Amino acid sequence: MTWSNRHIGLPHQALGRDRAGCDCWGLACVVYQEELNISLPEYLGYASIDELGEIASLIEGATSSPLWLPITGTARAFDIAVFRRGQFSAHVGIVVRHGWMLHMADQRSSVIERYENGRWKHRFNGHFRHVELVSKGARA
């Protein structure tokens, strides 16, 4: 069993930040805390998926912070993949391995899904690696 299997099927909940329910960023918070012992900022500045502009500004602010480094080339486990919803970068997934992510699927539950093809391919905006993973090396 890989680390990602422990996080499949978590229910969706707007602004959720624990196993009882989470949104896409909340899932990243849960995974990083449980698997890497890294506490991510909660970014509770938005209220629903309908407010994509606010979500996008939070994601863009996070990815431009010194905590996240843009990655070119092959993504590793625990990198964050950022995707557009409409015109905004408003969705994130946690890379399981390059091309595969754990994410919240459309307000249902967390799933593993391929993102190099299908509905996510043309929405992909980039990979980001947490600075602690860069300084500690790969963890897979």
N, C-alpha and C. Protein backbone atom coordinates (compact mmCIF):
# COMPACT_ATOMS: atom_id res chain seq x y z
N MET A 1 0.85 -1.19 0.00
CA MET A 1 0.00 0.00 0.00
C MET A 1 0.88 1.24 0.00
N THR A 2 0.58 2.17 -0.88
CA THR A 2 1.34 3.41 -0.92
C THR A 2 0.66 4.45 -0.03
N TRP A 3 1.37 5.53 0.22
CA TRP A 3 0.83 6.60 1.05
C TRP A 3 -0.49 7.13 0.50
N SER A 4 -0.62 7.19 -0.81
CA SER A 4 -1.82 7.78 -1.41
C SER A 4 -3.08 6.98 -1.12
N ASN A 5 -2.95 5.66 -1.00
CA ASN A 5 -4.13 4.83 -0.72
C ASN A 5 -4.81 5.21 0.59
N ARG A 6 -4.06 5.71 1.55
CA ARG A 6 -4.64 6.10 2.84
C ARG A 6 -5.53 7.33 2.73
N HIS A 7 -5.51 7.99 1.59
CA HIS A 7 -6.25 9.24 1.43
C HIS A 7 -7.34 9.17 0.37
N ILE A 8 -7.54 8.02 -0.23
CA ILE A 8 -8.60 7.84 -1.22
C ILE A 8 -9.95 7.75 -0.50
N GLY A 9 -10.94 8.44 -1.04
CA GLY A 9 -12.29 8.34 -0.50
C GLY A 9 -12.64 9.33 0.59
N LEU A 10 -11.73 10.27 0.90
CA LEU A 10 -12.10 11.29 1.89
C LEU A 10 -13.22 12.14 1.30
N PRO A 11 -14.24 12.45 2.10
CA PRO A 11 -15.37 13.20 1.55
C PRO A 11 -15.05 14.67 1.31
N HIS A 12 -15.73 15.24 0.33
CA HIS A 12 -15.57 16.66 0.05
C HIS A 12 -16.34 17.49 1.07
N GLN A 13 -15.74 18.56 1.50
CA GLN A 13 -16.41 19.56 2.33
C GLN A 13 -15.73 20.90 2.06
N ALA A 14 -16.50 21.90 1.65
CA ALA A 14 -15.93 23.23 1.41
C ALA A 14 -15.26 23.71 2.69
N LEU A 15 -14.05 24.21 2.55
CA LEU A 15 -13.22 24.71 3.66
C LEU A 15 -12.79 23.62 4.64
N GLY A 16 -13.04 22.36 4.33
CA GLY A 16 -12.63 21.27 5.22
C GLY A 16 -11.12 21.11 5.21
N ARG A 17 -10.58 20.83 6.38
CA ARG A 17 -9.13 20.70 6.52
C ARG A 17 -8.74 19.47 7.33
N ASP A 18 -9.62 18.44 7.34
CA ASP A 18 -9.30 17.21 8.06
C ASP A 18 -10.00 16.03 7.38
N ARG A 19 -9.78 14.84 7.93
CA ARG A 19 -10.32 13.62 7.33
C ARG A 19 -11.85 13.56 7.32
N ALA A 20 -12.50 14.36 8.14
CA ALA A 20 -13.97 14.38 8.14
C ALA A 20 -14.51 14.97 6.85
N GLY A 21 -13.69 15.76 6.16
CA GLY A 21 -14.08 16.35 4.90
C GLY A 21 -13.12 17.47 4.54
N CYS A 22 -12.83 17.60 3.25
CA CYS A 22 -11.90 18.65 2.82
C CYS A 22 -12.16 19.03 1.38
N ASP A 23 -11.65 20.21 1.02
CA ASP A 23 -11.66 20.63 -0.37
C ASP A 23 -10.28 20.28 -0.94
N CYS A 24 -9.97 20.76 -2.14
CA CYS A 24 -8.70 20.34 -2.76
C CYS A 24 -7.49 20.80 -1.96
N TRP A 25 -7.51 22.03 -1.46
CA TRP A 25 -6.37 22.49 -0.66
C TRP A 25 -6.36 21.80 0.70
N GLY A 26 -7.53 21.56 1.25
CA GLY A 26 -7.61 20.84 2.52
C GLY A 26 -7.01 19.45 2.42
N LEU A 27 -7.21 18.79 1.28
CA LEU A 27 -6.61 17.49 1.06
C LEU A 27 -5.09 17.60 1.08
N ALA A 28 -4.55 18.64 0.44
CA ALA A 28 -3.10 18.85 0.48
C ALA A 28 -2.64 19.06 1.92
N CYS A 29 -3.40 19.81 2.70
CA CYS A 29 -3.05 20.04 4.11
C CYS A 29 -3.01 18.73 4.89
N VAL A 30 -4.02 17.88 4.68
CA VAL A 30 -4.09 16.59 5.38
C VAL A 30 -2.91 15.71 4.98
N VAL A 31 -2.65 15.58 3.68
CA VAL A 31 -1.57 14.72 3.19
C VAL A 31 -0.22 15.21 3.71
N TYR A 32 0.04 16.49 3.59
CA TYR A 32 1.34 17.02 4.03
C TYR A 32 1.54 16.83 5.53
N GLN A 33 0.48 17.03 6.33
CA GLN A 33 0.62 16.86 7.77
C GLN A 33 0.83 15.39 8.13
N GLU A 34 0.01 14.51 7.59
CA GLU A 34 0.07 13.09 7.97
C GLU A 34 1.27 12.36 7.38
N GLU A 35 1.64 12.68 6.16
CA GLU A 35 2.70 11.93 5.49
C GLU A 35 4.08 12.57 5.64
N LEU A 36 4.13 13.89 5.75
CA LEU A 36 5.42 14.59 5.74
C LEU A 36 5.69 15.38 7.00
N ASN A 37 4.68 15.47 7.88
CA ASN A 37 4.78 16.28 9.09
C ASN A 37 5.10 17.75 8.76
N ILE A 38 4.48 18.23 7.68
CA ILE A 38 4.61 19.63 7.26
C ILE A 38 3.23 20.27 7.36
N SER A 39 3.13 21.35 8.10
CA SER A 39 1.87 22.08 8.22
C SER A 39 1.80 23.14 7.14
N LEU A 40 0.81 23.04 6.28
CA LEU A 40 0.61 24.03 5.24
C LEU A 40 -0.33 25.12 5.74
N PRO A 41 -0.19 26.35 5.24
CA PRO A 41 -1.16 27.40 5.58
C PRO A 41 -2.55 26.94 5.15
N GLU A 42 -3.57 27.26 5.93
CA GLU A 42 -4.91 26.76 5.63
C GLU A 42 -5.63 27.50 4.52
N TYR A 43 -5.30 28.74 4.24
CA TYR A 43 -5.94 29.52 3.18
C TYR A 43 -7.46 29.41 3.23
N LEU A 44 -8.03 29.87 4.32
CA LEU A 44 -9.49 29.81 4.47
C LEU A 44 -10.17 31.07 3.96
N GLY A 45 -9.59 31.72 2.97
CA GLY A 45 -10.12 32.98 2.49
C GLY A 45 -11.21 32.87 1.45
N TYR A 46 -11.69 31.68 1.17
CA TYR A 46 -12.78 31.55 0.21
C TYR A 46 -13.86 30.67 0.80
N ALA A 47 -15.05 30.78 0.26
CA ALA A 47 -16.18 30.08 0.86
C ALA A 47 -16.74 28.94 0.01
N SER A 48 -16.58 28.98 -1.29
CA SER A 48 -17.13 27.90 -2.10
C SER A 48 -16.44 27.83 -3.45
N ILE A 49 -16.66 26.74 -4.14
CA ILE A 49 -16.07 26.54 -5.46
C ILE A 49 -16.59 27.59 -6.45
N ASP A 50 -17.72 28.21 -6.14
CA ASP A 50 -18.27 29.24 -7.01
C ASP A 50 -17.43 30.51 -7.02
N GLU A 51 -16.58 30.69 -6.03
CA GLU A 51 -15.76 31.90 -5.94
C GLU A 51 -14.36 31.63 -6.49
N LEU A 52 -14.31 31.21 -7.74
CA LEU A 52 -13.05 30.78 -8.35
C LEU A 52 -12.01 31.88 -8.40
N GLY A 53 -12.41 33.13 -8.58
CA GLY A 53 -11.45 34.23 -8.61
C GLY A 53 -10.70 34.35 -7.30
N GLU A 54 -11.41 34.22 -6.19
CA GLU A 54 -10.75 34.30 -4.88
C GLU A 54 -9.84 33.10 -4.65
N ILE A 55 -10.32 31.93 -5.03
CA ILE A 55 -9.50 30.73 -4.90
C ILE A 55 -8.22 30.88 -5.73
N ALA A 56 -8.37 31.36 -6.96
CA ALA A 56 -7.22 31.54 -7.84
C ALA A 56 -6.21 32.50 -7.24
N SER A 57 -6.67 33.59 -6.66
CA SER A 57 -5.71 34.53 -6.07
C SER A 57 -4.98 33.91 -4.89
N LEU A 58 -5.65 33.07 -4.13
CA LEU A 58 -4.98 32.38 -3.03
C LEU A 58 -3.94 31.39 -3.55
N ILE A 59 -4.30 30.63 -4.58
CA ILE A 59 -3.37 29.66 -5.15
C ILE A 59 -2.18 30.38 -5.78
N GLU A 60 -2.44 31.45 -6.53
CA GLU A 60 -1.34 32.19 -7.14
C GLU A 60 -0.44 32.81 -6.07
N GLY A 61 -1.04 33.30 -5.00
CA GLY A 61 -0.24 33.84 -3.90
C GLY A 61 0.60 32.77 -3.24
N ALA A 62 0.02 31.59 -3.08
CA ALA A 62 0.76 30.49 -2.46
C ALA A 62 1.92 30.05 -3.34
N THR A 63 1.67 29.91 -4.63
CA THR A 63 2.73 29.41 -5.52
C THR A 63 3.82 30.45 -5.75
N SER A 64 3.54 31.72 -5.48
CA SER A 64 4.59 32.72 -5.61
C SER A 64 5.30 32.99 -4.29
N SER A 65 4.91 32.27 -3.24
CA SER A 65 5.56 32.45 -1.94
C SER A 65 6.88 31.69 -1.93
N PRO A 66 7.75 32.00 -0.98
CA PRO A 66 9.03 31.27 -0.89
C PRO A 66 8.87 29.82 -0.44
N LEU A 67 7.65 29.40 -0.06
CA LEU A 67 7.43 28.01 0.35
C LEU A 67 7.35 27.06 -0.84
N TRP A 68 7.06 27.57 -2.03
CA TRP A 68 6.82 26.72 -3.20
C TRP A 68 7.75 27.11 -4.33
N LEU A 69 8.40 26.11 -4.91
CA LEU A 69 9.30 26.33 -6.03
C LEU A 69 8.70 25.69 -7.29
N PRO A 70 8.65 26.43 -8.39
CA PRO A 70 8.14 25.84 -9.63
C PRO A 70 9.08 24.73 -10.11
N ILE A 71 8.50 23.68 -10.64
CA ILE A 71 9.26 22.52 -11.09
C ILE A 71 9.09 22.37 -12.60
N THR A 72 10.18 22.24 -13.29
CA THR A 72 10.12 21.88 -14.71
C THR A 72 10.63 20.46 -14.82
N GLY A 73 10.13 19.74 -15.77
CA GLY A 73 10.54 18.36 -15.92
C GLY A 73 9.62 17.42 -15.16
N THR A 74 10.17 16.34 -14.67
CA THR A 74 9.39 15.29 -14.05
C THR A 74 8.99 15.63 -12.62
N ALA A 75 7.71 15.51 -12.35
CA ALA A 75 7.20 15.74 -10.99
C ALA A 75 7.47 14.51 -10.14
N ARG A 76 7.57 14.75 -8.82
CA ARG A 76 7.77 13.67 -7.85
C ARG A 76 6.56 13.60 -6.93
N ALA A 77 6.49 12.51 -6.20
CA ALA A 77 5.45 12.36 -5.18
C ALA A 77 5.48 13.57 -4.25
N PHE A 78 4.30 14.07 -3.92
CA PHE A 78 4.05 15.20 -3.02
C PHE A 78 4.22 16.56 -3.67
N ASP A 79 4.65 16.64 -4.93
CA ASP A 79 4.60 17.93 -5.61
C ASP A 79 3.13 18.31 -5.75
N ILE A 80 2.86 19.59 -5.87
CA ILE A 80 1.50 20.08 -6.07
C ILE A 80 1.32 20.43 -7.54
N ALA A 81 0.28 19.89 -8.14
CA ALA A 81 -0.08 20.20 -9.52
C ALA A 81 -1.23 21.21 -9.48
N VAL A 82 -1.11 22.28 -10.24
CA VAL A 82 -2.10 23.35 -10.26
C VAL A 82 -2.84 23.32 -11.59
N PHE A 83 -4.17 23.49 -11.52
CA PHE A 83 -5.03 23.41 -12.70
C PHE A 83 -5.99 24.59 -12.77
N ARG A 84 -6.36 24.93 -14.00
CA ARG A 84 -7.38 25.96 -14.23
C ARG A 84 -8.76 25.35 -14.11
N ARG A 85 -9.66 26.14 -13.60
CA ARG A 85 -11.11 25.87 -13.70
C ARG A 85 -11.67 27.11 -14.36
N GLY A 86 -12.08 26.99 -15.61
CA GLY A 86 -12.45 28.17 -16.38
C GLY A 86 -11.18 28.97 -16.65
N GLN A 87 -11.22 30.26 -16.38
CA GLN A 87 -10.05 31.11 -16.63
C GLN A 87 -9.11 31.21 -15.44
N PHE A 88 -9.47 30.59 -14.32
CA PHE A 88 -8.69 30.75 -13.09
C PHE A 88 -7.93 29.48 -12.71
N SER A 89 -6.75 29.66 -12.10
CA SER A 89 -6.02 28.54 -11.50
C SER A 89 -6.66 28.31 -10.14
N ALA A 90 -7.58 27.35 -10.07
CA ALA A 90 -8.40 27.22 -8.87
C ALA A 90 -8.53 25.78 -8.38
N HIS A 91 -7.62 24.90 -8.81
CA HIS A 91 -7.68 23.51 -8.34
C HIS A 91 -6.26 22.98 -8.18
N VAL A 92 -6.05 22.19 -7.14
CA VAL A 92 -4.75 21.56 -6.93
C VAL A 92 -4.92 20.06 -6.72
N GLY A 93 -3.89 19.34 -7.07
CA GLY A 93 -3.80 17.92 -6.80
C GLY A 93 -2.42 17.62 -6.24
N ILE A 94 -2.30 16.53 -5.51
CA ILE A 94 -1.02 16.12 -4.95
C ILE A 94 -0.48 15.00 -5.86
N VAL A 95 0.69 15.21 -6.40
CA VAL A 95 1.27 14.22 -7.31
C VAL A 95 1.57 12.93 -6.55
N VAL A 96 1.08 11.82 -7.10
CA VAL A 96 1.39 10.49 -6.58
C VAL A 96 2.65 9.99 -7.26
N ARG A 97 2.67 10.13 -8.56
CA ARG A 97 3.86 9.94 -9.41
C ARG A 97 3.58 10.75 -10.66
N HIS A 98 4.60 11.07 -11.40
CA HIS A 98 4.43 11.96 -12.55
C HIS A 98 3.26 11.50 -13.41
N GLY A 99 2.32 12.40 -13.64
CA GLY A 99 1.16 12.09 -14.47
C GLY A 99 -0.07 11.62 -13.70
N TRP A 100 0.09 11.33 -12.42
CA TRP A 100 -1.02 10.85 -11.59
C TRP A 100 -1.13 11.73 -10.35
N MET A 101 -2.37 12.07 -10.00
CA MET A 101 -2.57 12.92 -8.83
C MET A 101 -3.68 12.38 -7.93
N LEU A 102 -3.57 12.72 -6.68
CA LEU A 102 -4.63 12.54 -5.70
C LEU A 102 -5.30 13.90 -5.58
N HIS A 103 -6.63 13.94 -5.72
CA HIS A 103 -7.31 15.23 -5.64
C HIS A 103 -8.78 15.03 -5.28
N MET A 104 -9.45 16.13 -5.00
CA MET A 104 -10.88 16.09 -4.74
C MET A 104 -11.60 16.18 -6.08
N ALA A 105 -12.37 15.19 -6.36
CA ALA A 105 -13.04 15.10 -7.66
C ALA A 105 -14.42 15.73 -7.60
N ASP A 106 -14.54 16.94 -8.09
CA ASP A 106 -15.84 17.59 -8.28
C ASP A 106 -16.78 17.49 -7.09
N GLN A 107 -16.34 17.90 -5.95
CA GLN A 107 -17.16 17.95 -4.74
C GLN A 107 -17.75 16.58 -4.36
N ARG A 108 -17.02 15.50 -4.65
CA ARG A 108 -17.47 14.16 -4.25
C ARG A 108 -16.54 13.63 -3.18
N SER A 109 -15.43 13.10 -3.61
CA SER A 109 -14.45 12.54 -2.68
C SER A 109 -13.09 12.50 -3.34
N SER A 110 -12.08 12.20 -2.55
CA SER A 110 -10.71 12.17 -3.08
C SER A 110 -10.49 10.90 -3.90
N VAL A 111 -9.81 11.07 -5.02
CA VAL A 111 -9.53 9.98 -5.95
C VAL A 111 -8.13 10.16 -6.52
N ILE A 112 -7.63 9.11 -7.12
CA ILE A 112 -6.40 9.20 -7.90
C ILE A 112 -6.81 9.22 -9.36
N GLU A 113 -6.26 10.16 -10.11
CA GLU A 113 -6.65 10.34 -11.50
C GLU A 113 -5.43 10.76 -12.31
N ARG A 114 -5.39 10.31 -13.54
CA ARG A 114 -4.33 10.71 -14.46
C ARG A 114 -4.58 12.15 -14.90
N TYR A 115 -3.52 12.94 -15.01
CA TYR A 115 -3.71 14.32 -15.44
C TYR A 115 -2.93 14.69 -16.69
N GLU A 116 -2.21 13.77 -17.27
CA GLU A 116 -1.49 14.08 -18.52
C GLU A 116 -2.35 13.87 -19.75
N ASN A 117 -3.55 13.36 -19.56
CA ASN A 117 -4.49 13.24 -20.67
C ASN A 117 -5.89 13.42 -20.10
N GLY A 118 -6.89 13.32 -20.93
CA GLY A 118 -8.26 13.48 -20.46
C GLY A 118 -8.57 14.92 -20.10
N ARG A 119 -9.52 15.09 -19.22
CA ARG A 119 -10.05 16.43 -18.92
C ARG A 119 -9.07 17.36 -18.25
N TRP A 120 -8.02 16.86 -17.62
CA TRP A 120 -7.07 17.72 -16.90
C TRP A 120 -5.90 18.19 -17.76
N LYS A 121 -5.62 17.52 -18.85
CA LYS A 121 -4.44 17.82 -19.66
C LYS A 121 -4.36 19.29 -20.06
N HIS A 122 -5.42 19.84 -20.58
CA HIS A 122 -5.40 21.21 -21.08
C HIS A 122 -5.62 22.24 -19.98
N ARG A 123 -5.88 21.79 -18.77
CA ARG A 123 -6.08 22.69 -17.63
C ARG A 123 -4.82 22.85 -16.78
N PHE A 124 -3.83 22.03 -17.04
CA PHE A 124 -2.62 21.99 -16.21
C PHE A 124 -1.83 23.29 -16.32
N ASN A 125 -1.45 23.85 -15.15
CA ASN A 125 -0.69 25.10 -15.12
C ASN A 125 0.71 24.96 -14.56
N GLY A 126 1.06 23.82 -13.99
CA GLY A 126 2.41 23.64 -13.51
C GLY A 126 2.51 22.85 -12.22
N HIS A 127 3.74 22.42 -11.94
CA HIS A 127 4.05 21.70 -10.70
C HIS A 127 4.81 22.63 -9.75
N PHE A 128 4.60 22.42 -8.47
CA PHE A 128 5.30 23.19 -7.44
C PHE A 128 5.74 22.23 -6.35
N ARG A 129 6.95 22.46 -5.83
CA ARG A 129 7.51 21.62 -4.77
C ARG A 129 7.72 22.46 -3.52
N HIS A 130 7.29 21.93 -2.41
CA HIS A 130 7.47 22.62 -1.13
C HIS A 130 8.97 22.71 -0.83
N VAL A 131 9.40 23.85 -0.33
CA VAL A 131 10.82 24.10 -0.08
C VAL A 131 11.43 23.06 0.86
N GLU A 132 10.65 22.55 1.82
CA GLU A 132 11.19 21.53 2.73
C GLU A 132 11.49 20.23 2.00
N LEU A 133 10.75 19.92 0.94
CA LEU A 133 11.04 18.72 0.17
C LEU A 133 12.27 18.88 -0.69
N VAL A 134 12.54 20.11 -1.11
CA VAL A 134 13.75 20.38 -1.87
C VAL A 134 14.96 20.23 -0.97
N SER A 135 14.88 20.79 0.23
CA SER A 135 16.03 20.74 1.13
C SER A 135 16.26 19.36 1.73
N LYS A 136 15.19 18.54 1.83
CA LYS A 136 15.33 17.20 2.39
C LYS A 136 15.53 16.14 1.31
N GLY A 137 15.38 16.53 0.07
CA GLY A 137 15.50 15.55 -1.02
C GLY A 137 14.20 14.84 -1.26
N ALA A 138 14.20 13.88 -2.16
CA ALA A 138 12.98 13.18 -2.55
C ALA A 138 12.45 12.32 -1.43
N ARG A 139 11.12 12.26 -1.34
CA ARG A 139 10.43 11.35 -0.42
C ARG A 139 9.35 10.68 -1.24
N ALA A 140 9.49 9.45 -1.52
CA ALA A 140 8.45 8.78 -2.30
C ALA A 140 8.10 7.45 -1.69
